[in-house]
Amino acid sequence: MTSQLEAVGLTLGYDDRDVVRDLDVTIPPGKVTMIVGANACGKSTLLRGLARLLKPRGGSVLLDGRSVHEQRSRDVARVLGLLPQTPVAPDGITVGDLVGRGRYPHQGWFRRWNAEDDAAVDRALAATGTADLIDRPLSELSGGQRQRVWVAMALAQETDLLLLDEPTTYLDLHHQVELLDLLTDLNRDSGRTIVVVLHDLNLACRYADHLIAMKAGRIVVEGAPADVVTAEVITEVFGLRCEVVPDPVSGTPMILPRGRHHADLAEKCT
């Protein structure tokens, strides 16, 4: 059974500033959800709140009907995995040791490292194409390699719910598509619920079952990309004049920015 994650009347913020205000959202179980919006709209803050990293100022985050803040950290971590935007690793740690940390929630007084953990780490390394880096110090890797290793650590946790904040950062286009294909495979093969904060609108539309568009700490629209993405919505959310046409590869909405230098030409073509 896939776990259920939702927020009710959620307010989140930092110091004296609210970022997310009185927000209700239910993450569709067993689907790939993409969260999009302009910089500082509250995307990452919402993800941190859902992942129990940020305590609500109001409302609550519910995991299977219970507040995540009333559950033990280890119990939550067995169900919900997170890859934050700027993860930090100890100095000198190797790739193998870092990915192995994804198995920590499964350890305990009566459960020690075993062959199942080795297999989970091997699967995560193979899925992200990082198996050949297992003995390398993380500090010696390129930005793109490090990002794939962090994704491998999140995958090794093998949770029902996986939340990723800008996982394509530092990745070239080939590896961006490869990673999103991988997340889609995880969803389709195991029914895992995937939630991704993503800046690339066209990739978000292509890979999302469910899209959430945010502005100023609130949800403007949500639903299947084909149902909710319009030029008017993109203008409201991003302040961007654009055309929305079918993606010739996937048939999903594709956003074509007008821009100041191409607006006149675009007007002539319409």
C-alpha atoms as a PDB file:
ATOM      1  CA  MET A   1       0.000   0.000   0.000  1.00  0.00           C
ATOM      2  CA  THR A   2       1.407   3.391  -1.011  1.00  0.00           C
ATOM      3  CA  SER A   3       1.709   5.923   1.789  1.00  0.00           C
ATOM      4  CA  GLN A   4      -0.348   9.112   1.723  1.00  0.00           C
ATOM      5  CA  LEU A   5       1.251  12.557   2.200  1.00  0.00           C
ATOM      6  CA  GLU A   6      -0.782  15.738   2.595  1.00  0.00           C
ATOM      7  CA  ALA A   7      -0.726  19.186   4.129  1.00  0.00           C
ATOM      8  CA  VAL A   8      -3.690  20.903   5.783  1.00  0.00           C
ATOM      9  CA  GLY A   9      -3.736  24.654   6.434  1.00  0.00           C
ATOM     10  CA  LEU A  10       0.066  24.636   6.231  1.00  0.00           C
ATOM     11  CA  THR A  11       1.984  27.812   7.045  1.00  0.00           C
ATOM     12  CA  LEU A  12       5.779  27.788   6.833  1.00  0.00           C
ATOM     13  CA  GLY A  13       8.401  30.496   7.126  1.00  0.00           C
ATOM     14  CA  TYR A  14      11.750  31.729   8.367  1.00  0.00           C
ATOM     15  CA  ASP A  15      12.394  34.274  11.143  1.00  0.00           C
ATOM     16  CA  ASP A  16       9.560  36.817  10.939  1.00  0.00           C
ATOM     17  CA  ARG A  17       8.533  36.030   7.334  1.00  0.00           C
ATOM     18  CA  ASP A  18       5.873  33.583   6.174  1.00  0.00           C
ATOM     19  CA  VAL A  19       6.699  31.916   2.862  1.00  0.00           C
ATOM     20  CA  VAL A  20       3.880  29.377   2.524  1.00  0.00           C
ATOM     21  CA  ARG A  21       0.510  30.471   3.855  1.00  0.00           C
ATOM     22  CA  ASP A  22      -2.515  28.355   4.826  1.00  0.00           C
ATOM     23  CA  LEU A  23      -1.854  25.829   2.063  1.00  0.00           C
ATOM     24  CA  ASP A  24      -3.784  22.609   1.479  1.00  0.00           C
ATOM     25  CA  VAL A  25      -2.295  19.950  -0.786  1.00  0.00           C
ATOM     26  CA  THR A  26      -2.574  16.205  -1.235  1.00  0.00           C
ATOM     27  CA  ILE A  27       0.243  14.437  -3.058  1.00  0.00           C
ATOM     28  CA  PRO A  28      -1.314  11.867  -5.427  1.00  0.00           C
ATOM     29  CA  PRO A  29      -0.079   8.446  -4.275  1.00  0.00           C
ATOM     30  CA  GLY A  30       1.757   6.344  -6.814  1.00  0.00           C
ATOM     31  CA  LYS A  31       2.249   9.292  -9.188  1.00  0.00           C
ATOM     32  CA  VAL A  32       5.041  11.613 -10.290  1.00  0.00           C
ATOM     33  CA  THR A  33       4.336  15.144  -9.060  1.00  0.00           C
ATOM     34  CA  MET A  34       6.347  18.153 -10.233  1.00  0.00           C
ATOM     35  CA  ILE A  35       6.302  21.455  -8.327  1.00  0.00           C
ATOM     36  CA  VAL A  36       7.119  24.526 -10.417  1.00  0.00           C
ATOM     37  CA  GLY A  37       7.141  28.279  -9.917  1.00  0.00           C
ATOM     38  CA  ALA A  38       9.343  31.352 -10.000  1.00  0.00           C
ATOM     39  CA  ASN A  39      12.303  31.810  -7.662  1.00  0.00           C
ATOM     40  CA  ALA A  40      11.329  32.392  -4.016  1.00  0.00           C
ATOM     41  CA  CYS A  41       7.726  31.295  -4.575  1.00  0.00           C
ATOM     42  CA  GLY A  42       7.890  28.687  -1.788  1.00  0.00           C
ATOM     43  CA  LYS A  43       8.585  25.475  -3.753  1.00  0.00           C
ATOM     44  CA  SER A  44      11.577  24.333  -1.715  1.00  0.00           C
ATOM     45  CA  THR A  45      10.014  25.575   1.520  1.00  0.00           C
ATOM     46  CA  LEU A  46       6.946  23.449   0.847  1.00  0.00           C
ATOM     47  CA  LEU A  47       9.131  20.420   0.142  1.00  0.00           C
ATOM     48  CA  ARG A  48      11.066  20.984   3.380  1.00  0.00           C
ATOM     49  CA  GLY A  49       7.796  21.196   5.257  1.00  0.00           C
ATOM     50  CA  LEU A  50       6.479  17.999   3.710  1.00  0.00           C
ATOM     51  CA  ALA A  51       9.758  16.256   4.557  1.00  0.00           C
ATOM     52  CA  ARG A  52       9.619  17.241   8.249  1.00  0.00           C
ATOM     53  CA  LEU A  53      12.687  19.484   8.008  1.00  0.00           C
ATOM     54  CA  LEU A  54      10.725  22.651   8.733  1.00  0.00           C
ATOM     55  CA  LYS A  55       8.230  22.850  11.582  1.00  0.00           C
ATOM     56  CA  PRO A  56       4.890  24.395  10.592  1.00  0.00           C
ATOM     57  CA  ARG A  57       3.855  27.737  12.031  1.00  0.00           C
ATOM     58  CA  GLY A  58       0.304  26.679  11.389  1.00  0.00           C
ATOM     59  CA  GLY A  59      -1.548  23.645  10.112  1.00  0.00           C
ATOM     60  CA  SER A  60       0.038  20.236   9.778  1.00  0.00           C
ATOM     61  CA  VAL A  61       1.700  17.712   7.477  1.00  0.00           C
ATOM     62  CA  LEU A  62       0.104  14.280   7.615  1.00  0.00           C
ATOM     63  CA  LEU A  63       1.757  11.007   6.674  1.00  0.00           C
ATOM     64  CA  ASP A  64      -0.814   8.241   6.495  1.00  0.00           C
ATOM     65  CA  GLY A  65      -3.196  10.382   8.521  1.00  0.00           C
ATOM     66  CA  ARG A  66      -0.778  11.184  11.353  1.00  0.00           C
ATOM     67  CA  SER A  67       1.267  14.337  11.884  1.00  0.00           C
ATOM     68  CA  VAL A  68       4.862  13.771  10.774  1.00  0.00           C
ATOM     69  CA  HIS A  69       5.978  15.713  13.856  1.00  0.00           C
ATOM     70  CA  GLU A  70       4.276  13.208  16.143  1.00  0.00           C
ATOM     71  CA  GLN A  71       6.144  10.271  14.589  1.00  0.00           C
ATOM     72  CA  ARG A  72       9.685   9.131  15.283  1.00  0.00           C
ATOM     73  CA  SER A  73      12.291  10.425  12.834  1.00  0.00           C
ATOM     74  CA  ARG A  74      13.461   6.911  11.985  1.00  0.00           C
ATOM     75  CA  ASP A  75       9.899   5.747  11.296  1.00  0.00           C
ATOM     76  CA  VAL A  76       9.293   8.680   8.944  1.00  0.00           C
ATOM     77  CA  ALA A  77      12.639   8.104   7.199  1.00  0.00           C
ATOM     78  CA  ARG A  78      11.677   4.511   6.425  1.00  0.00           C
ATOM     79  CA  VAL A  79       8.704   5.776   4.446  1.00  0.00           C
ATOM     80  CA  LEU A  80       9.793   9.187   3.159  1.00  0.00           C
ATOM     81  CA  GLY A  81      13.139  10.001   1.541  1.00  0.00           C
ATOM     82  CA  LEU A  82      14.451  13.461   0.687  1.00  0.00           C
ATOM     83  CA  LEU A  83      17.197  14.862  -1.502  1.00  0.00           C
ATOM     84  CA  PRO A  84      17.564  18.527  -0.462  1.00  0.00           C
ATOM     85  CA  GLN A  85      18.763  21.283  -2.759  1.00  0.00           C
ATOM     86  CA  THR A  86      22.194  21.707  -1.158  1.00  0.00           C
ATOM     87  CA  PRO A  87      23.132  18.502   0.686  1.00  0.00           C
ATOM     88  CA  VAL A  88      26.281  18.502   2.821  1.00  0.00           C
ATOM     89  CA  ALA A  89      28.638  15.537   3.288  1.00  0.00           C
ATOM     90  CA  PRO A  90      31.429  14.959   5.841  1.00  0.00           C
ATOM     91  CA  ASP A  91      34.965  15.701   4.653  1.00  0.00           C
ATOM     92  CA  GLY A  92      36.735  12.752   3.072  1.00  0.00           C
ATOM     93  CA  ILE A  93      33.678  10.526   2.693  1.00  0.00           C
ATOM     94  CA  THR A  94      33.718   8.090  -0.220  1.00  0.00           C
ATOM     95  CA  VAL A  95      30.890   7.473  -2.659  1.00  0.00           C
ATOM     96  CA  GLY A  96      30.201   4.020  -1.240  1.00  0.00           C
ATOM     97  CA  ASP A  97      30.006   5.304   2.330  1.00  0.00           C
ATOM     98  CA  LEU A  98      27.711   8.168   1.356  1.00  0.00           C
ATOM     99  CA  VAL A  99      25.271   5.980  -0.579  1.00  0.00           C
ATOM    100  CA  GLY A 100      25.345   3.492   2.283  1.00  0.00           C
ATOM    101  CA  ARG A 101      24.015   6.199   4.591  1.00  0.00           C
ATOM    102  CA  GLY A 102      20.737   5.885   2.766  1.00  0.00           C
ATOM    103  CA  ARG A 103      20.299   2.564   4.592  1.00  0.00           C
ATOM    104  CA  TYR A 104      20.620   4.042   8.104  1.00  0.00           C
ATOM    105  CA  PRO A 105      16.848   4.341   8.698  1.00  0.00           C
ATOM    106  CA  HIS A 106      16.600   0.576   8.244  1.00  0.00           C
ATOM    107  CA  GLN A 107      19.174  -0.150  10.960  1.00  0.00           C
ATOM    108  CA  GLY A 108      18.355  -0.521  14.636  1.00  0.00           C
ATOM    109  CA  TRP A 109      19.074  -2.407  17.826  1.00  0.00           C
ATOM    110  CA  PHE A 110      18.059  -5.723  16.283  1.00  0.00           C
ATOM    111  CA  ARG A 111      18.705  -4.974  12.620  1.00  0.00           C
ATOM    112  CA  ARG A 112      22.303  -4.664  11.452  1.00  0.00           C
ATOM    113  CA  TRP A 113      23.824  -4.185   8.014  1.00  0.00           C
ATOM    114  CA  ASN A 114      23.205  -7.250   5.878  1.00  0.00           C
ATOM    115  CA  ALA A 115      23.086  -8.530   2.296  1.00  0.00           C
ATOM    116  CA  GLU A 116      19.804  -6.712   1.701  1.00  0.00           C
ATOM    117  CA  ASP A 117      21.537  -3.402   2.397  1.00  0.00           C
ATOM    118  CA  ASP A 118      24.436  -4.290   0.097  1.00  0.00           C
ATOM    119  CA  ALA A 119      21.944  -5.111  -2.653  1.00  0.00           C
ATOM    120  CA  ALA A 120      20.064  -1.822  -2.162  1.00  0.00           C
ATOM    121  CA  VAL A 121      23.306   0.166  -2.440  1.00  0.00           C
ATOM    122  CA  ASP A 122      24.346  -1.782  -5.535  1.00  0.00           C
ATOM    123  CA  ARG A 123      20.965  -1.122  -7.173  1.00  0.00           C
ATOM    124  CA  ALA A 124      21.177   2.595  -6.424  1.00  0.00           C
ATOM    125  CA  LEU A 125      24.724   2.877  -7.785  1.00  0.00           C
ATOM    126  CA  ALA A 126      23.830   0.961 -10.939  1.00  0.00           C
ATOM    127  CA  ALA A 127      20.656   2.993 -11.521  1.00  0.00           C
ATOM    128  CA  THR A 128      22.568   6.285 -11.346  1.00  0.00           C
ATOM    129  CA  GLY A 129      25.603   5.102 -13.300  1.00  0.00           C
ATOM    130  CA  THR A 130      27.944   5.674 -10.366  1.00  0.00           C
ATOM    131  CA  ALA A 131      29.085   2.120  -9.537  1.00  0.00           C
ATOM    132  CA  ASP A 132      32.557   2.820 -10.920  1.00  0.00           C
ATOM    133  CA  LEU A 133      32.929   5.712  -8.470  1.00  0.00           C
ATOM    134  CA  ILE A 134      32.285   3.677  -5.318  1.00  0.00           C
ATOM    135  CA  ASP A 135      35.793   4.070  -3.872  1.00  0.00           C
ATOM    136  CA  ARG A 136      36.305   7.692  -4.928  1.00  0.00           C
ATOM    137  CA  PRO A 137      36.169  10.525  -2.386  1.00  0.00           C
ATOM    138  CA  LEU A 138      33.108  12.669  -3.025  1.00  0.00           C
ATOM    139  CA  SER A 139      35.289  15.795  -3.031  1.00  0.00           C
ATOM    140  CA  GLU A 140      37.141  14.611  -6.143  1.00  0.00           C
ATOM    141  CA  LEU A 141      34.030  14.334  -8.306  1.00  0.00           C
ATOM    142  CA  SER A 142      32.589  16.844 -10.739  1.00  0.00           C
ATOM    143  CA  GLY A 143      29.374  18.643  -9.849  1.00  0.00           C
ATOM    144  CA  GLY A 144      27.337  16.367 -12.093  1.00  0.00           C
ATOM    145  CA  GLN A 145      28.916  13.212 -10.663  1.00  0.00           C
ATOM    146  CA  ARG A 146      28.298  14.385  -7.101  1.00  0.00           C
ATOM    147  CA  GLN A 147      24.663  15.099  -7.879  1.00  0.00           C
ATOM    148  CA  ARG A 148      24.148  11.590  -9.239  1.00  0.00           C
ATOM    149  CA  VAL A 149      25.780  10.146  -6.114  1.00  0.00           C
ATOM    150  CA  TRP A 150      23.409  12.126  -3.893  1.00  0.00           C
ATOM    151  CA  VAL A 151      20.493  10.780  -5.922  1.00  0.00           C
ATOM    152  CA  ALA A 152      21.911   7.287  -5.426  1.00  0.00           C
ATOM    153  CA  MET A 153      21.899   7.810  -1.653  1.00  0.00           C
ATOM    154  CA  ALA A 154      18.229   8.827  -1.786  1.00  0.00           C
ATOM    155  CA  LEU A 155      17.408   5.789  -3.926  1.00  0.00           C
ATOM    156  CA  ALA A 156      19.234   3.441  -1.549  1.00  0.00           C
ATOM    157  CA  GLN A 157      16.803   4.458   1.179  1.00  0.00           C
ATOM    158  CA  GLU A 158      14.089   2.633  -0.826  1.00  0.00           C
ATOM    159  CA  THR A 159      11.115   4.526   0.566  1.00  0.00           C
ATOM    160  CA  ASP A 160       7.501   4.612  -0.626  1.00  0.00           C
ATOM    161  CA  LEU A 161       7.758   8.390  -0.994  1.00  0.00           C
ATOM    162  CA  LEU A 162      10.727  10.175  -2.556  1.00  0.00           C
ATOM    163  CA  LEU A 163      11.047  13.975  -2.499  1.00  0.00           C
ATOM    164  CA  LEU A 164      13.760  15.681  -4.565  1.00  0.00           C
ATOM    165  CA  ASP A 165      14.577  19.392  -4.633  1.00  0.00           C
ATOM    166  CA  GLU A 166      16.117  20.393  -7.982  1.00  0.00           C
ATOM    167  CA  PRO A 167      17.801  17.010  -8.578  1.00  0.00           C
ATOM    168  CA  THR A 168      18.913  18.012 -12.095  1.00  0.00           C
ATOM    169  CA  THR A 169      21.184  20.795 -10.776  1.00  0.00           C
ATOM    170  CA  TYR A 170      24.702  20.525 -12.253  1.00  0.00           C
ATOM    171  CA  LEU A 171      23.593  17.837 -14.718  1.00  0.00           C
ATOM    172  CA  ASP A 172      23.991  18.260 -18.459  1.00  0.00           C
ATOM    173  CA  LEU A 173      20.923  17.761 -20.650  1.00  0.00           C
ATOM    174  CA  HIS A 174      21.668  14.090 -21.296  1.00  0.00           C
ATOM    175  CA  HIS A 175      21.922  13.280 -17.584  1.00  0.00           C
ATOM    176  CA  GLN A 176      18.867  15.412 -16.778  1.00  0.00           C
ATOM    177  CA  VAL A 177      16.739  13.316 -19.118  1.00  0.00           C
ATOM    178  CA  GLU A 178      18.399  10.122 -17.888  1.00  0.00           C
ATOM    179  CA  LEU A 179      17.605  10.990 -14.267  1.00  0.00           C
ATOM    180  CA  LEU A 180      13.979  11.874 -14.981  1.00  0.00           C
ATOM    181  CA  ASP A 181      13.626   8.639 -16.967  1.00  0.00           C
ATOM    182  CA  LEU A 182      15.013   6.799 -13.943  1.00  0.00           C
ATOM    183  CA  LEU A 183      12.512   8.432 -11.576  1.00  0.00           C
ATOM    184  CA  THR A 184       9.704   7.539 -13.972  1.00  0.00           C
ATOM    185  CA  ASP A 185      10.923   3.930 -14.065  1.00  0.00           C
ATOM    186  CA  LEU A 186      10.923   3.813 -10.251  1.00  0.00           C
ATOM    187  CA  ASN A 187       7.381   5.095 -10.220  1.00  0.00           C
ATOM    188  CA  ARG A 188       6.089   2.696 -12.847  1.00  0.00           C
ATOM    189  CA  ASP A 189       7.966  -0.383 -11.655  1.00  0.00           C
ATOM    190  CA  SER A 190       7.276  -0.087  -7.935  1.00  0.00           C
ATOM    191  CA  GLY A 191       4.444   2.417  -7.638  1.00  0.00           C
ATOM    192  CA  ARG A 192       6.716   4.744  -5.693  1.00  0.00           C
ATOM    193  CA  THR A 193       5.367   8.258  -5.159  1.00  0.00           C
ATOM    194  CA  ILE A 194       7.822  10.826  -6.547  1.00  0.00           C
ATOM    195  CA  VAL A 195       7.732  14.561  -5.811  1.00  0.00           C
ATOM    196  CA  VAL A 196      10.209  16.821  -7.619  1.00  0.00           C
ATOM    197  CA  VAL A 197      10.843  20.559  -7.491  1.00  0.00           C
ATOM    198  CA  LEU A 198      11.995  21.451 -10.992  1.00  0.00           C
ATOM    199  CA  HIS A 199      12.869  24.667 -12.806  1.00  0.00           C
ATOM    200  CA  ASP A 200      12.638  23.340 -16.360  1.00  0.00           C
ATOM    201  CA  LEU A 201       8.975  23.774 -17.266  1.00  0.00           C
ATOM    202  CA  ASN A 202       9.080  21.681 -20.412  1.00  0.00           C
ATOM    203  CA  LEU A 203      10.711  18.728 -18.670  1.00  0.00           C
ATOM    204  CA  ALA A 204       8.248  19.101 -15.786  1.00  0.00           C
ATOM    205  CA  CYS A 205       5.321  18.956 -18.207  1.00  0.00           C
ATOM    206  CA  ARG A 206       6.828  15.990 -20.022  1.00  0.00           C
ATOM    207  CA  TYR A 207       7.445  13.845 -16.941  1.00  0.00           C
ATOM    208  CA  ALA A 208       4.719  14.866 -14.490  1.00  0.00           C
ATOM    209  CA  ASP A 209       1.518  12.963 -13.906  1.00  0.00           C
ATOM    210  CA  HIS A 210       0.513  15.817 -11.636  1.00  0.00           C
ATOM    211  CA  LEU A 211       1.788  19.404 -11.796  1.00  0.00           C
ATOM    212  CA  ILE A 212       1.647  21.970  -8.990  1.00  0.00           C
ATOM    213  CA  ALA A 213       2.313  25.593  -9.970  1.00  0.00           C
ATOM    214  CA  MET A 214       3.053  27.965  -7.096  1.00  0.00           C
ATOM    215  CA  LYS A 215       3.251  31.724  -6.708  1.00  0.00           C
ATOM    216  CA  ALA A 216       3.891  33.739  -3.545  1.00  0.00           C
ATOM    217  CA  GLY A 217       3.425  30.763  -1.241  1.00  0.00           C
ATOM    218  CA  ARG A 218       0.163  29.523  -2.671  1.00  0.00           C
ATOM    219  CA  ILE A 219      -0.920  27.030  -5.296  1.00  0.00           C
ATOM    220  CA  VAL A 220      -2.193  28.719  -8.458  1.00  0.00           C
ATOM    221  CA  VAL A 221      -3.194  25.549 -10.321  1.00  0.00           C
ATOM    222  CA  GLU A 222      -2.632  21.830 -10.032  1.00  0.00           C
ATOM    223  CA  GLY A 223      -3.545  18.834 -12.132  1.00  0.00           C
ATOM    224  CA  ALA A 224      -2.398  16.950 -15.200  1.00  0.00           C
ATOM    225  CA  PRO A 225      -0.109  19.222 -17.285  1.00  0.00           C
ATOM    226  CA  ALA A 226      -2.354  18.955 -20.342  1.00  0.00           C
ATOM    227  CA  ASP A 227      -5.298  20.167 -18.243  1.00  0.00           C
ATOM    228  CA  VAL A 228      -3.725  23.095 -16.398  1.00  0.00           C
ATOM    229  CA  VAL A 229      -0.828  24.520 -18.427  1.00  0.00           C
ATOM    230  CA  THR A 230      -1.873  27.474 -20.562  1.00  0.00           C
ATOM    231  CA  ALA A 231      -0.172  30.663 -21.702  1.00  0.00           C
ATOM    232  CA  GLU A 232      -2.317  32.573 -19.222  1.00  0.00           C
ATOM    233  CA  VAL A 233      -1.224  30.363 -16.328  1.00  0.00           C
ATOM    234  CA  ILE A 234       2.463  30.689 -17.260  1.00  0.00           C
ATOM    235  CA  THR A 235       2.085  34.476 -17.443  1.00  0.00           C
ATOM    236  CA  GLU A 236       0.418  34.566 -14.017  1.00  0.00           C
ATOM    237  CA  VAL A 237       2.937  32.255 -12.347  1.00  0.00           C
ATOM    238  CA  PHE A 238       6.159  33.428 -14.005  1.00  0.00           C
ATOM    239  CA  GLY A 239       5.304  36.831 -15.478  1.00  0.00           C
ATOM    240  CA  LEU A 240       6.378  35.422 -18.844  1.00  0.00           C
ATOM    241  CA  ARG A 241       4.734  36.000 -22.198  1.00  0.00           C
ATOM    242  CA  CYS A 242       4.758  32.752 -24.120  1.00  0.00           C
ATOM    243  CA  GLU A 243       3.087  30.362 -26.482  1.00  0.00           C
ATOM    244  CA  VAL A 244       2.049  26.882 -25.378  1.00  0.00           C
ATOM    245  CA  VAL A 245       2.151  24.227 -28.093  1.00  0.00           C
ATOM    246  CA  PRO A 246       2.157  20.408 -28.073  1.00  0.00           C
ATOM    247  CA  ASP A 247       5.577  18.867 -27.455  1.00  0.00           C
ATOM    248  CA  PRO A 248       6.397  17.049 -30.726  1.00  0.00           C
ATOM    249  CA  VAL A 249       7.968  14.163 -28.775  1.00  0.00           C
ATOM    250  CA  SER A 250       5.535  13.603 -25.892  1.00  0.00           C
ATOM    251  CA  GLY A 251       2.434  15.571 -26.857  1.00  0.00           C
ATOM    252  CA  THR A 252       2.534  17.331 -23.489  1.00  0.00           C
ATOM    253  CA  PRO A 253       2.448  21.150 -23.230  1.00  0.00           C
ATOM    254  CA  MET A 254       5.641  22.866 -24.388  1.00  0.00           C
ATOM    255  CA  ILE A 255       6.304  26.474 -23.391  1.00  0.00           C
ATOM    256  CA  LEU A 256       7.878  28.780 -25.980  1.00  0.00           C
ATOM    257  CA  PRO A 257       8.955  32.065 -24.334  1.00  0.00           C
ATOM    258  CA  ARG A 258       8.396  35.166 -26.438  1.00  0.00           C
ATOM    259  CA  GLY A 259      11.081  37.408 -24.980  1.00  0.00           C
ATOM    260  CA  ARG A 260      11.578  41.049 -25.910  1.00  0.00           C
ATOM    261  CA  HIS A 261      13.729  40.316 -28.950  1.00  0.00           C
ATOM    262  CA  HIS A 262      11.315  37.838 -30.509  1.00  0.00           C
ATOM    263  CA  ALA A 263       7.936  39.279 -29.560  1.00  0.00           C
ATOM    264  CA  ASP A 264       7.439  41.131 -32.855  1.00  0.00           C
ATOM    265  CA  LEU A 265       8.255  38.043 -34.903  1.00  0.00           C
ATOM    266  CA  ALA A 266       5.913  35.953 -32.753  1.00  0.00           C
ATOM    267  CA  GLU A 267       3.083  38.436 -33.360  1.00  0.00           C
ATOM    268  CA  LYS A 268       3.582  38.150 -37.124  1.00  0.00           C
ATOM    269  CA  CYS A 269       3.432  34.357 -36.950  1.00  0.00           C
ATOM    270  CA  THR A 270       0.142  34.266 -35.032  1.00  0.00           C
END
